[in-house]
């Protein structure tokens, strides 16, 4: 992965969109080569005031966004991607008043489709709040098509 993509563009992609900025998404670096996002706990992002945990829609948005970051990480470049399919399995309630992290990996890529696994957690990726399986479509660059044909 190129250093300029990692240090300047990937962090902007994590938090630079209007909705990700409003939700407080922040790039948390690469962990074992996989991108990670952190969402600091905020009262206005709580789904149930009695429990104090994040809204389910926030978790879904977080997992979808980390999926896109995983694709861009695998491509080592930015290009438009669109979610084709997203399945989220909620495994347990989030812990009240805790930041939430998401990490994802692009485990397979065809000429136009990227397949991603992602998970949301507080401290330990092996104890996820939710896990996602997703697919993203993209338009390959000419170099990628030529390289794949060789």
N, C-alpha and C. Protein backbone atom coordinates (compact mmCIF):
# COMPACT_ATOMS: atom_id res chain seq x y z
N UNK A 1 0.85 -1.17 0.00
CA UNK A 1 0.00 0.00 0.00
C UNK A 1 0.90 1.23 0.00
N UNK A 2 0.52 2.22 -0.76
CA UNK A 2 1.34 3.41 -0.84
C UNK A 2 1.18 4.26 0.41
N UNK A 3 2.30 4.85 0.85
CA UNK A 3 2.27 5.67 2.06
C UNK A 3 1.38 6.89 1.89
N UNK A 4 1.37 7.52 0.71
CA UNK A 4 0.56 8.72 0.54
C UNK A 4 -0.93 8.40 0.63
N UNK A 5 -1.34 7.24 0.13
CA UNK A 5 -2.74 6.85 0.23
C UNK A 5 -3.12 6.63 1.69
N UNK A 6 -2.27 5.92 2.42
CA UNK A 6 -2.54 5.62 3.82
C UNK A 6 -2.56 6.87 4.68
N UNK A 7 -1.58 7.75 4.51
CA UNK A 7 -1.44 8.89 5.42
C UNK A 7 -2.34 10.07 5.09
N UNK A 8 -2.74 10.23 3.85
CA UNK A 8 -3.53 11.41 3.52
C UNK A 8 -4.94 11.09 3.05
N UNK A 9 -5.09 10.13 2.18
CA UNK A 9 -6.40 9.91 1.56
C UNK A 9 -7.28 8.99 2.39
N UNK A 10 -6.78 7.86 2.87
CA UNK A 10 -7.61 6.92 3.61
C UNK A 10 -8.22 7.56 4.87
N UNK A 11 -7.46 8.31 5.67
CA UNK A 11 -8.11 8.98 6.82
C UNK A 11 -9.20 9.97 6.40
N UNK A 12 -9.02 10.65 5.29
CA UNK A 12 -10.06 11.57 4.80
C UNK A 12 -11.30 10.80 4.38
N UNK A 13 -11.12 9.66 3.74
CA UNK A 13 -12.26 8.84 3.32
C UNK A 13 -13.03 8.30 4.52
N UNK A 14 -12.33 8.06 5.62
CA UNK A 14 -12.97 7.52 6.82
C UNK A 14 -13.91 8.53 7.47
N UNK A 15 -13.55 9.81 7.43
CA UNK A 15 -14.32 10.80 8.19
C UNK A 15 -14.73 12.02 7.39
N UNK A 16 -14.32 12.10 6.12
CA UNK A 16 -14.50 13.33 5.37
C UNK A 16 -15.84 13.56 4.72
N UNK A 17 -16.67 12.54 4.62
CA UNK A 17 -18.00 12.73 4.02
C UNK A 17 -18.91 13.43 5.03
N UNK A 18 -19.93 14.07 4.52
CA UNK A 18 -20.84 14.82 5.41
C UNK A 18 -21.43 13.93 6.50
N UNK A 19 -21.91 12.76 6.12
CA UNK A 19 -22.55 11.90 7.13
C UNK A 19 -21.54 11.30 8.10
N UNK A 20 -20.35 10.92 7.62
CA UNK A 20 -19.37 10.34 8.53
C UNK A 20 -18.81 11.39 9.49
N UNK A 21 -18.66 12.61 9.00
CA UNK A 21 -18.24 13.70 9.88
C UNK A 21 -19.29 13.99 10.94
N UNK A 22 -20.55 14.02 10.53
CA UNK A 22 -21.64 14.28 11.48
C UNK A 22 -21.75 13.18 12.53
N UNK A 23 -21.45 11.95 12.13
CA UNK A 23 -21.53 10.83 13.07
C UNK A 23 -20.27 10.69 13.93
N UNK A 24 -19.23 11.44 13.60
CA UNK A 24 -18.02 11.42 14.40
C UNK A 24 -17.05 10.32 14.06
N UNK A 25 -17.17 9.70 12.89
CA UNK A 25 -16.25 8.64 12.50
C UNK A 25 -14.83 9.19 12.44
N UNK A 26 -13.88 8.42 12.95
CA UNK A 26 -12.47 8.82 12.91
C UNK A 26 -11.63 7.61 12.51
N UNK A 27 -10.69 7.83 11.62
CA UNK A 27 -9.79 6.76 11.19
C UNK A 27 -8.93 6.36 12.37
N UNK A 28 -8.84 5.05 12.63
CA UNK A 28 -8.08 4.54 13.76
C UNK A 28 -6.87 3.73 13.29
N UNK A 29 -6.48 3.92 12.03
CA UNK A 29 -5.29 3.28 11.50
C UNK A 29 -5.57 1.93 10.88
N UNK A 30 -4.47 1.29 10.49
CA UNK A 30 -4.54 -0.07 9.97
C UNK A 30 -4.11 -1.01 11.07
N UNK A 31 -4.83 -2.09 11.21
CA UNK A 31 -4.52 -3.11 12.22
C UNK A 31 -4.37 -4.42 11.46
N UNK A 32 -3.17 -4.93 11.44
CA UNK A 32 -2.84 -6.10 10.62
C UNK A 32 -3.23 -5.87 9.16
N UNK A 33 -3.02 -4.64 8.68
CA UNK A 33 -3.30 -4.30 7.30
C UNK A 33 -4.75 -4.00 7.00
N UNK A 34 -5.61 -4.06 8.01
CA UNK A 34 -7.05 -3.83 7.83
C UNK A 34 -7.43 -2.48 8.42
N UNK A 35 -8.24 -1.70 7.69
CA UNK A 35 -8.63 -0.38 8.21
C UNK A 35 -9.57 -0.50 9.40
N UNK A 36 -9.47 0.48 10.29
CA UNK A 36 -10.32 0.53 11.48
C UNK A 36 -10.85 1.94 11.65
N UNK A 37 -12.11 2.04 12.03
CA UNK A 37 -12.78 3.32 12.33
C UNK A 37 -13.24 3.28 13.78
N UNK A 38 -13.17 4.43 14.43
CA UNK A 38 -13.69 4.59 15.80
C UNK A 38 -14.83 5.60 15.77
N UNK A 39 -15.89 5.29 16.53
CA UNK A 39 -16.99 6.24 16.74
C UNK A 39 -17.05 6.52 18.23
N UNK A 40 -16.65 7.72 18.66
CA UNK A 40 -16.76 8.05 20.08
C UNK A 40 -18.23 8.09 20.51
N UNK A 41 -18.51 7.56 21.69
CA UNK A 41 -19.87 7.57 22.21
C UNK A 41 -20.34 9.01 22.38
N UNK A 42 -21.55 9.26 21.91
CA UNK A 42 -22.21 10.56 22.09
C UNK A 42 -23.67 10.29 22.37
N UNK A 43 -24.23 11.09 23.23
CA UNK A 43 -25.63 10.91 23.62
C UNK A 43 -26.58 11.02 22.43
N UNK A 44 -26.28 11.90 21.48
CA UNK A 44 -27.18 12.06 20.34
C UNK A 44 -27.15 10.89 19.36
N UNK A 45 -26.26 9.93 19.55
CA UNK A 45 -26.19 8.75 18.69
C UNK A 45 -26.81 7.52 19.34
N UNK A 46 -27.38 7.70 20.52
CA UNK A 46 -27.99 6.61 21.28
C UNK A 46 -29.35 6.26 20.69
N UNK A 47 -29.62 4.97 20.57
CA UNK A 47 -30.90 4.52 20.04
C UNK A 47 -31.97 4.41 21.11
N UNK A 48 -31.60 4.02 22.31
CA UNK A 48 -32.53 3.85 23.41
C UNK A 48 -31.98 4.57 24.64
N UNK A 49 -32.59 5.70 25.01
CA UNK A 49 -32.06 6.47 26.14
C UNK A 49 -31.96 5.69 27.44
N UNK A 50 -32.82 4.69 27.62
CA UNK A 50 -32.76 3.89 28.85
C UNK A 50 -31.51 3.02 28.92
N UNK A 51 -31.03 2.57 27.77
CA UNK A 51 -29.87 1.68 27.77
C UNK A 51 -28.56 2.43 27.57
N UNK A 52 -28.58 3.55 26.84
CA UNK A 52 -27.36 4.31 26.57
C UNK A 52 -26.47 3.70 25.51
N UNK A 53 -26.99 2.78 24.68
CA UNK A 53 -26.16 2.17 23.63
C UNK A 53 -26.47 2.82 22.28
N UNK A 54 -25.51 2.70 21.38
CA UNK A 54 -25.66 3.26 20.04
C UNK A 54 -26.89 2.70 19.34
N UNK A 55 -27.45 3.50 18.46
CA UNK A 55 -28.57 3.08 17.62
C UNK A 55 -28.10 2.02 16.63
N UNK A 56 -28.97 1.07 16.31
CA UNK A 56 -28.64 0.02 15.36
C UNK A 56 -28.29 0.56 13.99
N UNK A 57 -28.95 1.63 13.58
CA UNK A 57 -28.65 2.23 12.28
C UNK A 57 -27.24 2.76 12.20
N UNK A 58 -26.72 3.26 13.32
CA UNK A 58 -25.34 3.73 13.35
C UNK A 58 -24.39 2.55 13.13
N UNK A 59 -24.69 1.42 13.76
CA UNK A 59 -23.84 0.24 13.62
C UNK A 59 -23.83 -0.22 12.16
N UNK A 60 -24.99 -0.24 11.53
CA UNK A 60 -25.07 -0.64 10.12
C UNK A 60 -24.28 0.32 9.24
N UNK A 61 -24.44 1.61 9.47
CA UNK A 61 -23.69 2.61 8.70
C UNK A 61 -22.19 2.45 8.89
N UNK A 62 -21.78 2.20 10.11
CA UNK A 62 -20.37 2.00 10.42
C UNK A 62 -19.81 0.79 9.68
N UNK A 63 -20.54 -0.30 9.68
CA UNK A 63 -20.08 -1.51 9.01
C UNK A 63 -20.05 -1.34 7.49
N UNK A 64 -21.03 -0.64 6.95
CA UNK A 64 -21.02 -0.37 5.51
C UNK A 64 -19.83 0.50 5.14
N UNK A 65 -19.57 1.51 5.94
CA UNK A 65 -18.47 2.42 5.62
C UNK A 65 -17.10 1.75 5.75
N UNK A 66 -16.92 0.94 6.78
CA UNK A 66 -15.63 0.26 6.90
C UNK A 66 -15.45 -0.73 5.75
N UNK A 67 -16.55 -1.26 5.23
CA UNK A 67 -16.47 -2.12 4.05
C UNK A 67 -15.89 -1.39 2.86
N UNK A 68 -16.37 -0.16 2.63
CA UNK A 68 -15.81 0.64 1.55
C UNK A 68 -14.34 0.94 1.77
N UNK A 69 -13.96 1.25 3.01
CA UNK A 69 -12.54 1.50 3.31
C UNK A 69 -11.70 0.25 3.06
N UNK A 70 -12.25 -0.92 3.37
CA UNK A 70 -11.51 -2.16 3.12
C UNK A 70 -11.29 -2.36 1.62
N UNK A 71 -12.28 -2.01 0.81
CA UNK A 71 -12.12 -2.11 -0.64
C UNK A 71 -11.04 -1.14 -1.11
N UNK A 72 -11.11 0.11 -0.67
CA UNK A 72 -10.10 1.09 -1.08
C UNK A 72 -8.71 0.68 -0.62
N UNK A 73 -8.62 0.07 0.56
CA UNK A 73 -7.33 -0.41 1.05
C UNK A 73 -6.81 -1.51 0.13
N UNK A 74 -7.67 -2.44 -0.26
CA UNK A 74 -7.25 -3.52 -1.16
C UNK A 74 -6.86 -2.98 -2.54
N UNK A 75 -7.58 -1.97 -3.02
CA UNK A 75 -7.25 -1.36 -4.31
C UNK A 75 -6.03 -0.46 -4.23
N UNK A 76 -5.69 -0.01 -3.02
CA UNK A 76 -4.62 0.95 -2.79
C UNK A 76 -4.87 2.24 -3.56
N UNK A 77 -6.13 2.59 -3.68
CA UNK A 77 -6.51 3.80 -4.42
C UNK A 77 -7.98 4.10 -4.14
N UNK A 78 -8.33 5.34 -4.37
CA UNK A 78 -9.74 5.71 -4.29
C UNK A 78 -10.35 5.62 -5.67
N UNK A 79 -11.50 5.02 -5.73
CA UNK A 79 -12.38 5.09 -6.89
C UNK A 79 -13.78 4.86 -6.36
N UNK A 80 -14.77 5.37 -7.04
CA UNK A 80 -16.14 5.20 -6.54
C UNK A 80 -16.51 3.73 -6.37
N UNK A 81 -17.14 3.43 -5.25
CA UNK A 81 -17.68 2.10 -4.99
C UNK A 81 -19.13 2.27 -4.54
N UNK A 82 -19.91 1.26 -4.76
CA UNK A 82 -21.31 1.27 -4.31
C UNK A 82 -21.63 -0.07 -3.67
N UNK A 83 -22.39 -0.03 -2.61
CA UNK A 83 -22.78 -1.25 -1.92
C UNK A 83 -23.82 -2.00 -2.75
N UNK A 84 -23.53 -3.25 -3.05
CA UNK A 84 -24.44 -4.11 -3.79
C UNK A 84 -25.26 -4.95 -2.81
N UNK A 85 -24.61 -5.41 -1.75
CA UNK A 85 -25.26 -6.28 -0.79
C UNK A 85 -24.63 -6.05 0.58
N UNK A 86 -25.44 -6.01 1.60
CA UNK A 86 -24.94 -5.84 2.97
C UNK A 86 -25.83 -6.64 3.90
N UNK A 87 -25.22 -7.56 4.60
CA UNK A 87 -25.94 -8.33 5.61
C UNK A 87 -25.26 -8.05 6.94
N UNK A 88 -26.05 -7.68 7.94
CA UNK A 88 -25.51 -7.42 9.27
C UNK A 88 -26.16 -8.37 10.25
N UNK A 89 -25.32 -9.08 10.99
CA UNK A 89 -25.79 -9.95 12.07
C UNK A 89 -25.45 -9.28 13.39
N UNK A 90 -26.49 -8.94 14.15
CA UNK A 90 -26.29 -8.36 15.47
C UNK A 90 -26.13 -9.50 16.46
N UNK A 91 -25.00 -9.51 17.17
CA UNK A 91 -24.66 -10.64 18.04
C UNK A 91 -24.94 -10.38 19.51
N UNK A 92 -24.90 -9.11 19.89
CA UNK A 92 -25.17 -8.75 21.28
C UNK A 92 -25.39 -7.25 21.34
N UNK A 93 -25.91 -6.78 22.44
CA UNK A 93 -26.09 -5.34 22.62
C UNK A 93 -24.72 -4.69 22.83
N UNK A 94 -24.59 -3.50 22.30
CA UNK A 94 -23.37 -2.73 22.58
C UNK A 94 -23.36 -2.35 24.06
N UNK A 95 -22.18 -2.09 24.57
CA UNK A 95 -22.07 -1.69 25.98
C UNK A 95 -22.36 -0.19 26.11
N UNK A 96 -23.11 0.20 27.11
CA UNK A 96 -23.48 1.61 27.26
C UNK A 96 -22.26 2.51 27.44
N UNK A 97 -22.36 3.68 26.87
CA UNK A 97 -21.36 4.76 27.05
C UNK A 97 -19.96 4.35 26.62
N UNK A 98 -19.84 3.51 25.60
CA UNK A 98 -18.55 3.04 25.12
C UNK A 98 -18.37 3.42 23.66
N UNK A 99 -17.15 3.77 23.28
CA UNK A 99 -16.83 3.98 21.88
C UNK A 99 -17.02 2.66 21.14
N UNK A 100 -17.30 2.77 19.85
CA UNK A 100 -17.45 1.58 19.03
C UNK A 100 -16.42 1.64 17.91
N UNK A 101 -15.80 0.51 17.63
CA UNK A 101 -14.83 0.39 16.56
C UNK A 101 -15.37 -0.55 15.50
N UNK A 102 -14.88 -0.38 14.29
CA UNK A 102 -15.20 -1.31 13.21
C UNK A 102 -13.93 -1.57 12.42
N UNK A 103 -13.80 -2.80 12.00
CA UNK A 103 -12.64 -3.21 11.20
C UNK A 103 -13.15 -4.11 10.09
N UNK A 104 -12.51 -4.05 8.93
CA UNK A 104 -12.96 -4.87 7.82
C UNK A 104 -11.82 -5.33 6.95
N UNK A 105 -12.09 -6.39 6.21
CA UNK A 105 -11.10 -6.94 5.29
C UNK A 105 -11.79 -7.31 3.98
N UNK A 106 -11.17 -6.90 2.90
CA UNK A 106 -11.61 -7.30 1.57
C UNK A 106 -10.91 -8.62 1.28
N UNK A 107 -11.66 -9.70 1.27
CA UNK A 107 -11.05 -11.02 1.17
C UNK A 107 -11.09 -11.61 -0.24
N UNK A 108 -11.85 -10.98 -1.14
CA UNK A 108 -11.91 -11.46 -2.52
C UNK A 108 -12.29 -10.30 -3.42
N UNK A 109 -11.67 -10.25 -4.59
CA UNK A 109 -11.96 -9.19 -5.53
C UNK A 109 -11.99 -9.76 -6.95
N UNK A 110 -13.06 -9.48 -7.67
CA UNK A 110 -13.13 -9.84 -9.08
C UNK A 110 -12.82 -8.57 -9.87
N UNK A 111 -13.10 -8.57 -11.16
CA UNK A 111 -12.83 -7.37 -11.97
C UNK A 111 -13.70 -6.19 -11.55
N UNK A 112 -14.90 -6.46 -11.03
CA UNK A 112 -15.82 -5.36 -10.71
C UNK A 112 -16.50 -5.47 -9.35
N UNK A 113 -16.33 -6.57 -8.64
CA UNK A 113 -16.98 -6.77 -7.35
C UNK A 113 -15.93 -7.09 -6.29
N UNK A 114 -16.08 -6.46 -5.13
CA UNK A 114 -15.22 -6.73 -3.98
C UNK A 114 -16.07 -7.30 -2.86
N UNK A 115 -15.56 -8.32 -2.19
CA UNK A 115 -16.27 -8.99 -1.11
C UNK A 115 -15.56 -8.69 0.21
N UNK A 116 -16.35 -8.31 1.22
CA UNK A 116 -15.79 -7.82 2.48
C UNK A 116 -16.46 -8.50 3.67
N UNK A 117 -15.66 -8.73 4.70
CA UNK A 117 -16.16 -9.12 6.02
C UNK A 117 -15.75 -8.01 6.99
N UNK A 118 -16.66 -7.67 7.88
CA UNK A 118 -16.38 -6.59 8.84
C UNK A 118 -17.05 -6.90 10.17
N UNK A 119 -16.59 -6.25 11.22
CA UNK A 119 -17.16 -6.46 12.53
C UNK A 119 -17.06 -5.17 13.33
N UNK A 120 -18.01 -4.98 14.23
CA UNK A 120 -18.05 -3.83 15.14
C UNK A 120 -17.87 -4.35 16.56
N UNK A 121 -17.09 -3.63 17.36
CA UNK A 121 -16.75 -4.10 18.70
C UNK A 121 -16.32 -2.91 19.56
N UNK A 122 -16.22 -3.12 20.87
CA UNK A 122 -15.73 -2.07 21.76
C UNK A 122 -14.21 -2.17 21.98
N UNK A 123 -13.75 -3.31 22.44
CA UNK A 123 -12.34 -3.49 22.78
C UNK A 123 -11.67 -4.63 22.03
N UNK A 124 -12.40 -5.71 21.86
CA UNK A 124 -11.82 -6.94 21.36
C UNK A 124 -12.56 -7.38 20.09
N UNK A 125 -11.87 -7.43 18.95
CA UNK A 125 -12.53 -7.85 17.71
C UNK A 125 -13.14 -9.25 17.79
N UNK A 126 -12.66 -10.08 18.71
CA UNK A 126 -13.21 -11.43 18.83
C UNK A 126 -14.51 -11.46 19.63
N UNK A 127 -14.95 -10.31 20.15
CA UNK A 127 -16.21 -10.19 20.88
C UNK A 127 -17.08 -9.13 20.21
N UNK A 128 -17.54 -9.41 18.97
CA UNK A 128 -18.23 -8.37 18.21
C UNK A 128 -19.66 -8.09 18.68
N UNK A 129 -20.04 -6.83 18.51
CA UNK A 129 -21.42 -6.41 18.67
C UNK A 129 -22.21 -6.89 17.45
N UNK A 130 -21.59 -6.74 16.29
CA UNK A 130 -22.22 -7.13 15.03
C UNK A 130 -21.14 -7.49 14.02
N UNK A 131 -21.53 -8.30 13.06
CA UNK A 131 -20.64 -8.68 11.97
C UNK A 131 -21.38 -8.47 10.66
N UNK A 132 -20.63 -8.15 9.61
CA UNK A 132 -21.23 -7.90 8.31
C UNK A 132 -20.53 -8.70 7.23
N UNK A 133 -21.29 -9.07 6.26
CA UNK A 133 -20.80 -9.68 5.02
C UNK A 133 -21.35 -8.77 3.93
N UNK A 134 -20.49 -8.28 3.05
CA UNK A 134 -20.97 -7.32 2.06
C UNK A 134 -20.24 -7.46 0.73
N UNK A 135 -20.85 -6.85 -0.29
CA UNK A 135 -20.25 -6.82 -1.62
C UNK A 135 -20.39 -5.40 -2.16
N UNK A 136 -19.35 -4.95 -2.86
CA UNK A 136 -19.29 -3.59 -3.42
C UNK A 136 -18.92 -3.69 -4.89
N UNK A 137 -19.53 -2.85 -5.69
CA UNK A 137 -19.21 -2.79 -7.11
C UNK A 137 -18.33 -1.58 -7.37
N UNK A 138 -17.44 -1.71 -8.32
CA UNK A 138 -16.58 -0.59 -8.70
C UNK A 138 -16.26 -0.71 -10.18
N UNK A 139 -15.84 0.38 -10.77
CA UNK A 139 -15.38 0.39 -12.16
C UNK A 139 -13.87 0.26 -12.15
N UNK A 140 -13.36 -0.82 -12.70
CA UNK A 140 -11.91 -1.03 -12.64
C UNK A 140 -11.16 -0.03 -13.53
N UNK A 141 -9.96 0.28 -13.09
CA UNK A 141 -9.11 1.14 -13.91
C UNK A 141 -8.62 0.34 -15.11
N UNK A 142 -8.19 1.05 -16.13
CA UNK A 142 -7.65 0.38 -17.33
C UNK A 142 -6.45 -0.50 -16.97
N UNK A 143 -5.59 0.01 -16.06
CA UNK A 143 -4.41 -0.76 -15.68
C UNK A 143 -4.82 -2.07 -15.03
N UNK A 144 -5.86 -2.02 -14.21
CA UNK A 144 -6.31 -3.23 -13.52
C UNK A 144 -6.85 -4.25 -14.53
N UNK A 145 -7.61 -3.77 -15.53
CA UNK A 145 -8.14 -4.67 -16.54
C UNK A 145 -7.04 -5.27 -17.39
N UNK A 146 -6.07 -4.45 -17.81
CA UNK A 146 -4.96 -4.92 -18.62
C UNK A 146 -4.13 -5.92 -17.83
N UNK A 147 -3.85 -5.60 -16.56
CA UNK A 147 -3.07 -6.49 -15.70
C UNK A 147 -3.77 -7.81 -15.48
N UNK A 148 -5.10 -7.78 -15.34
CA UNK A 148 -5.85 -9.02 -15.12
C UNK A 148 -5.89 -9.89 -16.37
N UNK A 149 -5.83 -9.27 -17.53
CA UNK A 149 -5.88 -10.01 -18.78
C UNK A 149 -4.55 -10.66 -19.12
N UNK A 150 -3.47 -10.16 -18.52
CA UNK A 150 -2.14 -10.67 -18.85
C UNK A 150 -1.89 -12.04 -18.28
